[in-house]
Amino acid sequence: MKNMNQLMKQAKKMQEQLLKAQEELGSKTVEGSAGGGAVTVVVTGHKFVQSVSIKPEVVDSEDVEMLQDLILTAVNDAMKKADELSQKELGQFGKGLNLPF
């Protein structure tokens, strides 16, 4: 029974650490870009887009599709980096458990 109590304490401690790591992840940001920095997107670790920056020289009313492609590429780059950040920060909690984060 002593081992069970110890196991429960360890599980509770791990759960608290996981919740803290998840909370901290939301305050971290990553930046994705496209077109050599012509379009930049900042995303939190929780995958919320915080900002989109577009350099004026890429705004061309004759070529809206290019701007759309740059924005899409920058958002996807930022989301990929947010996934990598999440895996780095939370992956330690799922080692050996096959839990998706």
PDB file of N, CA and C in Angstrom:
ATOM      1  N   MET A   1       0.824  -1.199   0.000  1.00  0.00           N
ATOM      2  CA  MET A   1       0.000   0.000   0.000  1.00  0.00           C
ATOM      3  C   MET A   1       0.865   1.258   0.000  1.00  0.00           C
ATOM      4  N   LYS A   2       2.021   1.169   0.638  1.00  0.00           N
ATOM      5  CA  LYS A   2       2.927   2.305   0.692  1.00  0.00           C
ATOM      6  C   LYS A   2       3.388   2.686  -0.719  1.00  0.00           C
ATOM      7  N   ASN A   3       3.654   1.693  -1.551  1.00  0.00           N
ATOM      8  CA  ASN A   3       4.077   1.946  -2.919  1.00  0.00           C
ATOM      9  C   ASN A   3       2.978   2.647  -3.718  1.00  0.00           C
ATOM     10  N   MET A   4       1.740   2.283  -3.465  1.00  0.00           N
ATOM     11  CA  MET A   4       0.612   2.894  -4.170  1.00  0.00           C
ATOM     12  C   MET A   4       0.497   4.369  -3.799  1.00  0.00           C
ATOM     13  N   ASN A   5       0.649   4.697  -2.521  1.00  0.00           N
ATOM     14  CA  ASN A   5       0.596   6.092  -2.080  1.00  0.00           C
ATOM     15  C   ASN A   5       1.733   6.899  -2.709  1.00  0.00           C
ATOM     16  N   GLN A   6       2.906   6.300  -2.765  1.00  0.00           N
ATOM     17  CA  GLN A   6       4.051   6.972  -3.366  1.00  0.00           C
ATOM     18  C   GLN A   6       3.807   7.198  -4.862  1.00  0.00           C
ATOM     19  N   LEU A   7       3.246   6.214  -5.511  1.00  0.00           N
ATOM     20  CA  LEU A   7       2.937   6.318  -6.933  1.00  0.00           C
ATOM     21  C   LEU A   7       1.903   7.420  -7.181  1.00  0.00           C
ATOM     22  N   MET A   8       0.910   7.508  -6.329  1.00  0.00           N
ATOM     23  CA  MET A   8      -0.117   8.548  -6.463  1.00  0.00           C
ATOM     24  C   MET A   8       0.487   9.943  -6.260  1.00  0.00           C
ATOM     25  N   LYS A   9       1.401  10.079  -5.300  1.00  0.00           N
ATOM     26  CA  LYS A   9       2.070  11.362  -5.078  1.00  0.00           C
ATOM     27  C   LYS A   9       2.897  11.754  -6.300  1.00  0.00           C
ATOM     28  N   GLN A  10       3.585  10.790  -6.881  1.00  0.00           N
ATOM     29  CA  GLN A  10       4.398  11.053  -8.062  1.00  0.00           C
ATOM     30  C   GLN A  10       3.512  11.467  -9.240  1.00  0.00           C
ATOM     31  N   ALA A  11       2.380  10.796  -9.391  1.00  0.00           N
ATOM     32  CA  ALA A  11       1.457  11.117 -10.484  1.00  0.00           C
ATOM     33  C   ALA A  11       0.895  12.531 -10.305  1.00  0.00           C
ATOM     34  N   LYS A  12       0.556  12.883  -9.084  1.00  0.00           N
ATOM     35  CA  LYS A  12       0.026  14.225  -8.816  1.00  0.00           C
ATOM     36  C   LYS A  12       1.091  15.285  -9.099  1.00  0.00           C
ATOM     37  N   LYS A  13       2.320  15.027  -8.698  1.00  0.00           N
ATOM     38  CA  LYS A  13       3.412  15.973  -8.947  1.00  0.00           C
ATOM     39  C   LYS A  13       3.646  16.138 -10.447  1.00  0.00           C
ATOM     40  N   MET A  14       3.611  15.042 -11.174  1.00  0.00           N
ATOM     41  CA  MET A  14       3.810  15.094 -12.620  1.00  0.00           C
ATOM     42  C   MET A  14       2.669  15.866 -13.288  1.00  0.00           C
ATOM     43  N   GLN A  15       1.457  15.671 -12.821  1.00  0.00           N
ATOM     44  CA  GLN A  15       0.308  16.392 -13.362  1.00  0.00           C
ATOM     45  C   GLN A  15       0.454  17.895 -13.121  1.00  0.00           C
ATOM     46  N   GLU A  16       0.904  18.277 -11.947  1.00  0.00           N
ATOM     47  CA  GLU A  16       1.108  19.693 -11.640  1.00  0.00           C
ATOM     48  C   GLU A  16       2.190  20.290 -12.540  1.00  0.00           C
ATOM     49  N   GLN A  17       3.266  19.538 -12.761  1.00  0.00           N
ATOM     50  CA  GLN A  17       4.345  20.001 -13.631  1.00  0.00           C
ATOM     51  C   GLN A  17       3.853  20.155 -15.072  1.00  0.00           C
ATOM     52  N   LEU A  18       3.033  19.219 -15.517  1.00  0.00           N
ATOM     53  CA  LEU A  18       2.479  19.275 -16.867  1.00  0.00           C
ATOM     54  C   LEU A  18       1.584  20.500 -17.035  1.00  0.00           C
ATOM     55  N   LEU A  19       0.722  20.763 -16.060  1.00  0.00           N
ATOM     56  CA  LEU A  19      -0.163  21.924 -16.129  1.00  0.00           C
ATOM     57  C   LEU A  19       0.637  23.222 -16.153  1.00  0.00           C
ATOM     58  N   LYS A  20       1.690  23.283 -15.358  1.00  0.00           N
ATOM     59  CA  LYS A  20       2.542  24.473 -15.346  1.00  0.00           C
ATOM     60  C   LYS A  20       3.231  24.645 -16.699  1.00  0.00           C
ATOM     61  N   ALA A  21       3.739  23.559 -17.272  1.00  0.00           N
ATOM     62  CA  ALA A  21       4.411  23.622 -18.573  1.00  0.00           C
ATOM     63  C   ALA A  21       3.440  24.053 -19.664  1.00  0.00           C
ATOM     64  N   GLN A  22       2.199  23.561 -19.616  1.00  0.00           N
ATOM     65  CA  GLN A  22       1.193  23.952 -20.601  1.00  0.00           C
ATOM     66  C   GLN A  22       0.874  25.439 -20.480  1.00  0.00           C
ATOM     67  N   GLU A  23       0.783  25.935 -19.259  1.00  0.00           N
ATOM     68  CA  GLU A  23       0.503  27.345 -19.035  1.00  0.00           C
ATOM     69  C   GLU A  23       1.650  28.211 -19.567  1.00  0.00           C
ATOM     70  N   GLU A  24       2.878  27.815 -19.283  1.00  0.00           N
ATOM     71  CA  GLU A  24       4.045  28.556 -19.748  1.00  0.00           C
ATOM     72  C   GLU A  24       4.140  28.543 -21.270  1.00  0.00           C
ATOM     73  N   LEU A  25       3.708  27.465 -21.889  1.00  0.00           N
ATOM     74  CA  LEU A  25       3.745  27.348 -23.344  1.00  0.00           C
ATOM     75  C   LEU A  25       2.911  28.455 -23.997  1.00  0.00           C
ATOM     76  N   GLY A  26       1.818  28.818 -23.376  1.00  0.00           N
ATOM     77  CA  GLY A  26       0.954  29.857 -23.916  1.00  0.00           C
ATOM     78  C   GLY A  26       1.585  31.236 -23.919  1.00  0.00           C
ATOM     79  N   SER A  27       2.581  31.444 -23.062  1.00  0.00           N
ATOM     80  CA  SER A  27       3.237  32.747 -23.014  1.00  0.00           C
ATOM     81  C   SER A  27       4.460  32.819 -23.932  1.00  0.00           C
ATOM     82  N   LYS A  28       4.844  31.700 -24.510  1.00  0.00           N
ATOM     83  CA  LYS A  28       5.977  31.682 -25.426  1.00  0.00           C
ATOM     84  C   LYS A  28       5.484  31.908 -26.851  1.00  0.00           C
ATOM     85  N   THR A  29       6.345  32.517 -27.662  1.00  0.00           N
ATOM     86  CA  THR A  29       5.972  32.777 -29.047  1.00  0.00           C
ATOM     87  C   THR A  29       7.038  32.262 -30.007  1.00  0.00           C
ATOM     88  N   VAL A  30       6.596  32.000 -31.219  1.00  0.00           N
ATOM     89  CA  VAL A  30       7.483  31.639 -32.315  1.00  0.00           C
ATOM     90  C   VAL A  30       7.120  32.527 -33.493  1.00  0.00           C
ATOM     91  N   GLU A  31       8.066  32.670 -34.411  1.00  0.00           N
ATOM     92  CA  GLU A  31       7.857  33.537 -35.563  1.00  0.00           C
ATOM     93  C   GLU A  31       8.066  32.740 -36.836  1.00  0.00           C
ATOM     94  N   GLY A  32       7.115  32.839 -37.729  1.00  0.00           N
ATOM     95  CA  GLY A  32       7.238  32.239 -39.046  1.00  0.00           C
ATOM     96  C   GLY A  32       7.334  33.349 -40.078  1.00  0.00           C
ATOM     97  N   SER A  33       8.040  33.059 -41.164  1.00  0.00           N
ATOM     98  CA  SER A  33       8.168  34.106 -42.174  1.00  0.00           C
ATOM     99  C   SER A  33       8.199  33.504 -43.567  1.00  0.00           C
ATOM    100  N   ALA A  34       8.030  34.379 -44.538  1.00  0.00           N
ATOM    101  CA  ALA A  34       8.083  33.982 -45.946  1.00  0.00           C
ATOM    102  C   ALA A  34       8.603  35.158 -46.752  1.00  0.00           C
ATOM    103  N   GLY A  35       9.126  34.849 -47.913  1.00  0.00           N
ATOM    104  CA  GLY A  35       9.611  35.903 -48.798  1.00  0.00           C
ATOM    105  C   GLY A  35      10.782  36.654 -48.219  1.00  0.00           C
ATOM    106  N   GLY A  36      11.678  35.928 -47.526  1.00  0.00           N
ATOM    107  CA  GLY A  36      12.834  36.589 -46.937  1.00  0.00           C
ATOM    108  C   GLY A  36      12.481  37.600 -45.871  1.00  0.00           C
ATOM    109  N   GLY A  37      11.396  37.364 -45.150  1.00  0.00           N
ATOM    110  CA  GLY A  37      10.958  38.275 -44.100  1.00  0.00           C
ATOM    111  C   GLY A  37       9.950  39.309 -44.563  1.00  0.00           C
ATOM    112  N   ALA A  38       9.499  39.186 -45.807  1.00  0.00           N
ATOM    113  CA  ALA A  38       8.503  40.133 -46.317  1.00  0.00           C
ATOM    114  C   ALA A  38       7.185  40.002 -45.566  1.00  0.00           C
ATOM    115  N   VAL A  39       6.855  38.785 -45.155  1.00  0.00           N
ATOM    116  CA  VAL A  39       5.669  38.528 -44.343  1.00  0.00           C
ATOM    117  C   VAL A  39       6.126  37.762 -43.113  1.00  0.00           C
ATOM    118  N   THR A  40       5.727  38.246 -41.943  1.00  0.00           N
ATOM    119  CA  THR A  40       6.109  37.618 -40.682  1.00  0.00           C
ATOM    120  C   THR A  40       4.853  37.404 -39.842  1.00  0.00           C
ATOM    121  N   VAL A  41       4.764  36.220 -39.244  1.00  0.00           N
ATOM    122  CA  VAL A  41       3.624  35.875 -38.399  1.00  0.00           C
ATOM    123  C   VAL A  41       4.153  35.418 -37.046  1.00  0.00           C
ATOM    124  N   VAL A  42       3.599  35.958 -35.962  1.00  0.00           N
ATOM    125  CA  VAL A  42       3.969  35.557 -34.607  1.00  0.00           C
ATOM    126  C   VAL A  42       2.803  34.754 -34.025  1.00  0.00           C
ATOM    127  N   VAL A  43       3.136  33.567 -33.492  1.00  0.00           N
ATOM    128  CA  VAL A  43       2.135  32.640 -32.963  1.00  0.00           C
ATOM    129  C   VAL A  43       2.572  32.218 -31.559  1.00  0.00           C
ATOM    130  N   THR A  44       1.598  32.061 -30.654  1.00  0.00           N
ATOM    131  CA  THR A  44       1.916  31.567 -29.314  1.00  0.00           C
ATOM    132  C   THR A  44       2.090  30.054 -29.347  1.00  0.00           C
ATOM    133  N   GLY A  45       2.608  29.531 -28.261  1.00  0.00           N
ATOM    134  CA  GLY A  45       2.746  28.087 -28.132  1.00  0.00           C
ATOM    135  C   GLY A  45       1.417  27.358 -28.144  1.00  0.00           C
ATOM    136  N   HIS A  46       0.331  28.093 -27.923  1.00  0.00           N
ATOM    137  CA  HIS A  46      -1.013  27.510 -27.999  1.00  0.00           C
ATOM    138  C   HIS A  46      -1.633  27.692 -29.379  1.00  0.00           C
ATOM    139  N   LYS A  47      -0.825  28.137 -30.336  1.00  0.00           N
ATOM    140  CA  LYS A  47      -1.221  28.297 -31.738  1.00  0.00           C
ATOM    141  C   LYS A  47      -2.245  29.405 -31.968  1.00  0.00           C
ATOM    142  N   PHE A  48      -2.125  30.491 -31.215  1.00  0.00           N
ATOM    143  CA  PHE A  48      -2.929  31.672 -31.462  1.00  0.00           C
ATOM    144  C   PHE A  48      -2.064  32.675 -32.203  1.00  0.00           C
ATOM    145  N   VAL A  49      -2.554  33.159 -33.332  1.00  0.00           N
ATOM    146  CA  VAL A  49      -1.804  34.144 -34.101  1.00  0.00           C
ATOM    147  C   VAL A  49      -1.871  35.473 -33.351  1.00  0.00           C
ATOM    148  N   GLN A  50      -0.700  36.010 -33.002  1.00  0.00           N
ATOM    149  CA  GLN A  50      -0.646  37.278 -32.283  1.00  0.00           C
ATOM    150  C   GLN A  50      -0.490  38.461 -33.219  1.00  0.00           C
ATOM    151  N   SER A  51       0.284  38.270 -34.283  1.00  0.00           N
ATOM    152  CA  SER A  51       0.470  39.390 -35.193  1.00  0.00           C
ATOM    153  C   SER A  51       0.884  38.913 -36.579  1.00  0.00           C
ATOM    154  N   VAL A  52       0.589  39.747 -37.557  1.00  0.00           N
ATOM    155  CA  VAL A  52       0.989  39.531 -38.937  1.00  0.00           C
ATOM    156  C   VAL A  52       1.609  40.844 -39.411  1.00  0.00           C
ATOM    157  N   SER A  53       2.837  40.763 -39.910  1.00  0.00           N
ATOM    158  CA  SER A  53       3.512  41.949 -40.445  1.00  0.00           C
ATOM    159  C   SER A  53       3.784  41.742 -41.923  1.00  0.00           C
ATOM    160  N   ILE A  54       3.450  42.755 -42.714  1.00  0.00           N
ATOM    161  CA  ILE A  54       3.647  42.693 -44.163  1.00  0.00           C
ATOM    162  C   ILE A  54       4.420  43.937 -44.584  1.00  0.00           C
ATOM    163  N   LYS A  55       5.550  43.717 -45.220  1.00  0.00           N
ATOM    164  CA  LYS A  55       6.328  44.858 -45.707  1.00  0.00           C
ATOM    165  C   LYS A  55       5.592  45.482 -46.897  1.00  0.00           C
ATOM    166  N   PRO A  56       5.533  46.801 -46.932  1.00  0.00           N
ATOM    167  CA  PRO A  56       4.778  47.501 -47.983  1.00  0.00           C
ATOM    168  C   PRO A  56       5.188  47.119 -49.403  1.00  0.00           C
ATOM    169  N   GLU A  57       6.445  46.798 -49.619  1.00  0.00           N
ATOM    170  CA  GLU A  57       6.892  46.511 -50.982  1.00  0.00           C
ATOM    171  C   GLU A  57       6.309  45.229 -51.572  1.00  0.00           C
ATOM    172  N   VAL A  58       5.711  44.364 -50.734  1.00  0.00           N
ATOM    173  CA  VAL A  58       5.108  43.147 -51.287  1.00  0.00           C
ATOM    174  C   VAL A  58       3.615  43.299 -51.548  1.00  0.00           C
ATOM    175  N   VAL A  59       3.083  44.462 -51.227  1.00  0.00           N
ATOM    176  CA  VAL A  59       1.664  44.724 -51.484  1.00  0.00           C
ATOM    177  C   VAL A  59       1.533  45.280 -52.907  1.00  0.00           C
ATOM    178  N   ASP A  60       0.986  44.440 -53.761  1.00  0.00           N
ATOM    179  CA  ASP A  60       0.822  44.806 -55.177  1.00  0.00           C
ATOM    180  C   ASP A  60      -0.591  44.421 -55.591  1.00  0.00           C
ATOM    181  N   SER A  61      -1.400  45.404 -55.892  1.00  0.00           N
ATOM    182  CA  SER A  61      -2.797  45.129 -56.253  1.00  0.00           C
ATOM    183  C   SER A  61      -2.906  44.285 -57.518  1.00  0.00           C
ATOM    184  N   GLU A  62      -1.849  44.240 -58.299  1.00  0.00           N
ATOM    185  CA  GLU A  62      -1.845  43.431 -59.525  1.00  0.00           C
ATOM    186  C   GLU A  62      -1.494  41.968 -59.244  1.00  0.00           C
ATOM    187  N   ASP A  63      -0.960  41.703 -58.051  1.00  0.00           N
ATOM    188  CA  ASP A  63      -0.523  40.335 -57.738  1.00  0.00           C
ATOM    189  C   ASP A  63      -0.939  39.944 -56.318  1.00  0.00           C
ATOM    190  N   VAL A  64      -2.225  39.946 -56.071  1.00  0.00           N
ATOM    191  CA  VAL A  64      -2.772  39.597 -54.761  1.00  0.00           C
ATOM    192  C   VAL A  64      -2.463  38.140 -54.410  1.00  0.00           C
ATOM    193  N   GLU A  65      -2.441  37.258 -55.397  1.00  0.00           N
ATOM    194  CA  GLU A  65      -2.171  35.838 -55.151  1.00  0.00           C
ATOM    195  C   GLU A  65      -0.801  35.626 -54.516  1.00  0.00           C
ATOM    196  N   MET A  66       0.204  36.386 -54.932  1.00  0.00           N
ATOM    197  CA  MET A  66       1.524  36.236 -54.344  1.00  0.00           C
ATOM    198  C   MET A  66       1.486  36.605 -52.863  1.00  0.00           C
ATOM    199  N   LEU A  67       0.817  37.676 -52.518  1.00  0.00           N
ATOM    200  CA  LEU A  67       0.708  38.079 -51.122  1.00  0.00           C
ATOM    201  C   LEU A  67      -0.039  37.023 -50.314  1.00  0.00           C
ATOM    202  N   GLN A  68      -1.090  36.483 -50.865  1.00  0.00           N
ATOM    203  CA  GLN A  68      -1.830  35.419 -50.183  1.00  0.00           C
ATOM    204  C   GLN A  68      -0.926  34.210 -49.940  1.00  0.00           C
ATOM    205  N   ASP A  69      -0.127  33.851 -50.943  1.00  0.00           N
ATOM    206  CA  ASP A  69       0.796  32.719 -50.799  1.00  0.00           C
ATOM    207  C   ASP A  69       1.839  32.986 -49.718  1.00  0.00           C
ATOM    208  N   LEU A  70       2.354  34.207 -49.677  1.00  0.00           N
ATOM    209  CA  LEU A  70       3.340  34.561 -48.655  1.00  0.00           C
ATOM    210  C   LEU A  70       2.742  34.471 -47.260  1.00  0.00           C
ATOM    211  N   ILE A  71       1.521  34.968 -47.097  1.00  0.00           N
ATOM    212  CA  ILE A  71       0.861  34.906 -45.789  1.00  0.00           C
ATOM    213  C   ILE A  71       0.624  33.458 -45.385  1.00  0.00           C
ATOM    214  N   LEU A  72       0.131  32.662 -46.308  1.00  0.00           N
ATOM    215  CA  LEU A  72      -0.120  31.247 -46.031  1.00  0.00           C
ATOM    216  C   LEU A  72       1.169  30.537 -45.628  1.00  0.00           C
ATOM    217  N   THR A  73       2.235  30.787 -46.355  1.00  0.00           N
ATOM    218  CA  THR A  73       3.518  30.152 -46.061  1.00  0.00           C
ATOM    219  C   THR A  73       4.035  30.584 -44.689  1.00  0.00           C
ATOM    220  N   ALA A  74       3.920  31.864 -44.374  1.00  0.00           N
ATOM    221  CA  ALA A  74       4.383  32.359 -43.077  1.00  0.00           C
ATOM    222  C   ALA A  74       3.575  31.771 -41.927  1.00  0.00           C
ATOM    223  N   VAL A  75       2.253  31.678 -42.098  1.00  0.00           N
ATOM    224  CA  VAL A  75       1.402  31.086 -41.048  1.00  0.00           C
ATOM    225  C   VAL A  75       1.759  29.613 -40.856  1.00  0.00           C
ATOM    226  N   ASN A  76       1.906  28.878 -41.937  1.00  0.00           N
ATOM    227  CA  ASN A  76       2.263  27.463 -41.819  1.00  0.00           C
ATOM    228  C   ASN A  76       3.629  27.273 -41.179  1.00  0.00           C
ATOM    229  N   ASP A  77       4.577  28.147 -41.499  1.00  0.00           N
ATOM    230  CA  ASP A  77       5.898  28.088 -40.891  1.00  0.00           C
ATOM    231  C   ASP A  77       5.805  28.328 -39.384  1.00  0.00           C
ATOM    232  N   ALA A  78       5.021  29.317 -38.985  1.00  0.00           N
ATOM    233  CA  ALA A  78       4.853  29.621 -37.567  1.00  0.00           C
ATOM    234  C   ALA A  78       4.159  28.473 -36.833  1.00  0.00           C
ATOM    235  N   MET A  79       3.143  27.878 -37.448  1.00  0.00           N
ATOM    236  CA  MET A  79       2.432  26.765 -36.815  1.00  0.00           C
ATOM    237  C   MET A  79       3.348  25.557 -36.648  1.00  0.00           C
ATOM    238  N   LYS A  80       4.190  25.300 -37.642  1.00  0.00           N
ATOM    239  CA  LYS A  80       5.151  24.195 -37.545  1.00  0.00           C
ATOM    240  C   LYS A  80       6.104  24.443 -36.375  1.00  0.00           C
ATOM    241  N   LYS A  81       6.567  25.671 -36.245  1.00  0.00           N
ATOM    242  CA  LYS A  81       7.466  26.014 -35.142  1.00  0.00           C
ATOM    243  C   LYS A  81       6.747  25.922 -33.798  1.00  0.00           C
ATOM    244  N   ALA A  82       5.463  26.256 -33.755  1.00  0.00           N
ATOM    245  CA  ALA A  82       4.680  26.124 -32.519  1.00  0.00           C
ATOM    246  C   ALA A  82       4.550  24.650 -32.138  1.00  0.00           C
ATOM    247  N   ASP A  83       4.357  23.787 -33.134  1.00  0.00           N
ATOM    248  CA  ASP A  83       4.312  22.341 -32.866  1.00  0.00           C
ATOM    249  C   ASP A  83       5.640  21.852 -32.302  1.00  0.00           C
ATOM    250  N   GLU A  84       6.731  22.316 -32.895  1.00  0.00           N
ATOM    251  CA  GLU A  84       8.061  21.920 -32.425  1.00  0.00           C
ATOM    252  C   GLU A  84       8.304  22.402 -30.997  1.00  0.00           C
ATOM    253  N   LEU A  85       7.880  23.634 -30.697  1.00  0.00           N
ATOM    254  CA  LEU A  85       8.012  24.173 -29.348  1.00  0.00           C
ATOM    255  C   LEU A  85       7.198  23.345 -28.362  1.00  0.00           C
ATOM    256  N   SER A  86       5.981  23.012 -28.735  1.00  0.00           N
ATOM    257  CA  SER A  86       5.117  22.213 -27.879  1.00  0.00           C
ATOM    258  C   SER A  86       5.729  20.844 -27.610  1.00  0.00           C
ATOM    259  N   GLN A  87       6.256  20.223 -28.647  1.00  0.00           N
ATOM    260  CA  GLN A  87       6.883  18.912 -28.482  1.00  0.00           C
ATOM    261  C   GLN A  87       8.095  19.013 -27.565  1.00  0.00           C
ATOM    262  N   LYS A  88       8.869  20.064 -27.742  1.00  0.00           N
ATOM    263  CA  LYS A  88      10.059  20.263 -26.911  1.00  0.00           C
ATOM    264  C   LYS A  88       9.669  20.464 -25.446  1.00  0.00           C
ATOM    265  N   GLU A  89       8.662  21.298 -25.220  1.00  0.00           N
ATOM    266  CA  GLU A  89       8.269  21.647 -23.859  1.00  0.00           C
ATOM    267  C   GLU A  89       7.453  20.561 -23.163  1.00  0.00           C
ATOM    268  N   LEU A  90       6.579  19.891 -23.910  1.00  0.00           N
ATOM    269  CA  LEU A  90       5.657  18.935 -23.290  1.00  0.00           C
ATOM    270  C   LEU A  90       6.017  17.478 -23.579  1.00  0.00           C
ATOM    271  N   GLY A  91       6.880  17.248 -24.529  1.00  0.00           N
ATOM    272  CA  GLY A  91       7.215  15.886 -24.915  1.00  0.00           C
ATOM    273  C   GLY A  91       7.798  15.056 -23.793  1.00  0.00           C
ATOM    274  N   GLN A  92       8.491  15.704 -22.877  1.00  0.00           N
ATOM    275  CA  GLN A  92       9.094  14.992 -21.756  1.00  0.00           C
ATOM    276  C   GLN A  92       8.049  14.301 -20.878  1.00  0.00           C
ATOM    277  N   PHE A  93       6.832  14.821 -20.877  1.00  0.00           N
ATOM    278  CA  PHE A  93       5.786  14.245 -20.037  1.00  0.00           C
ATOM    279  C   PHE A  93       5.160  12.993 -20.651  1.00  0.00           C
ATOM    280  N   GLY A  94       5.347  12.802 -21.943  1.00  0.00           N
ATOM    281  CA  GLY A  94       4.716  11.671 -22.611  1.00  0.00           C
ATOM    282  C   GLY A  94       5.686  10.590 -23.038  1.00  0.00           C
ATOM    283  N   LYS A  95       6.956  10.731 -22.658  1.00  0.00           N
ATOM    284  CA  LYS A  95       7.945   9.727 -23.056  1.00  0.00           C
ATOM    285  C   LYS A  95       7.519   8.337 -22.595  1.00  0.00           C
ATOM    286  N   GLY A  96       7.460   7.441 -23.535  1.00  0.00           N
ATOM    287  CA  GLY A  96       7.104   6.066 -23.240  1.00  0.00           C
ATOM    288  C   GLY A  96       5.612   5.828 -23.111  1.00  0.00           C
ATOM    289  N   LEU A  97       4.806   6.878 -23.218  1.00  0.00           N
ATOM    290  CA  LEU A  97       3.364   6.720 -23.054  1.00  0.00           C
ATOM    291  C   LEU A  97       2.597   6.839 -24.365  1.00  0.00           C
ATOM    292  N   ASN A  98       3.265   7.252 -25.438  1.00  0.00           N
ATOM    293  CA  ASN A  98       2.626   7.449 -26.758  1.00  0.00           C
ATOM    294  C   ASN A  98       1.442   8.396 -26.689  1.00  0.00           C
ATOM    295  N   LEU A  99       1.630   9.516 -25.975  1.00  0.00           N
ATOM    296  CA  LEU A  99       0.579  10.514 -25.863  1.00  0.00           C
ATOM    297  C   LEU A  99       0.812  11.609 -26.892  1.00  0.00           C
ATOM    298  N   PRO A 100      -0.217  11.981 -27.657  1.00  0.00           N
ATOM    299  CA  PRO A 100      -0.040  13.078 -28.622  1.00  0.00           C
ATOM    300  C   PRO A 100      -0.116  14.435 -27.939  1.00  0.00           C
ATOM    301  N   PHE A 101       0.795  15.335 -28.279  1.00  0.00           N
ATOM    302  CA  PHE A 101       0.754  16.706 -27.738  1.00  0.00           C
ATOM    303  C   PHE A 101       0.685  17.660 -28.874  1.00  0.00           C
TER     304      PHE A 101
END
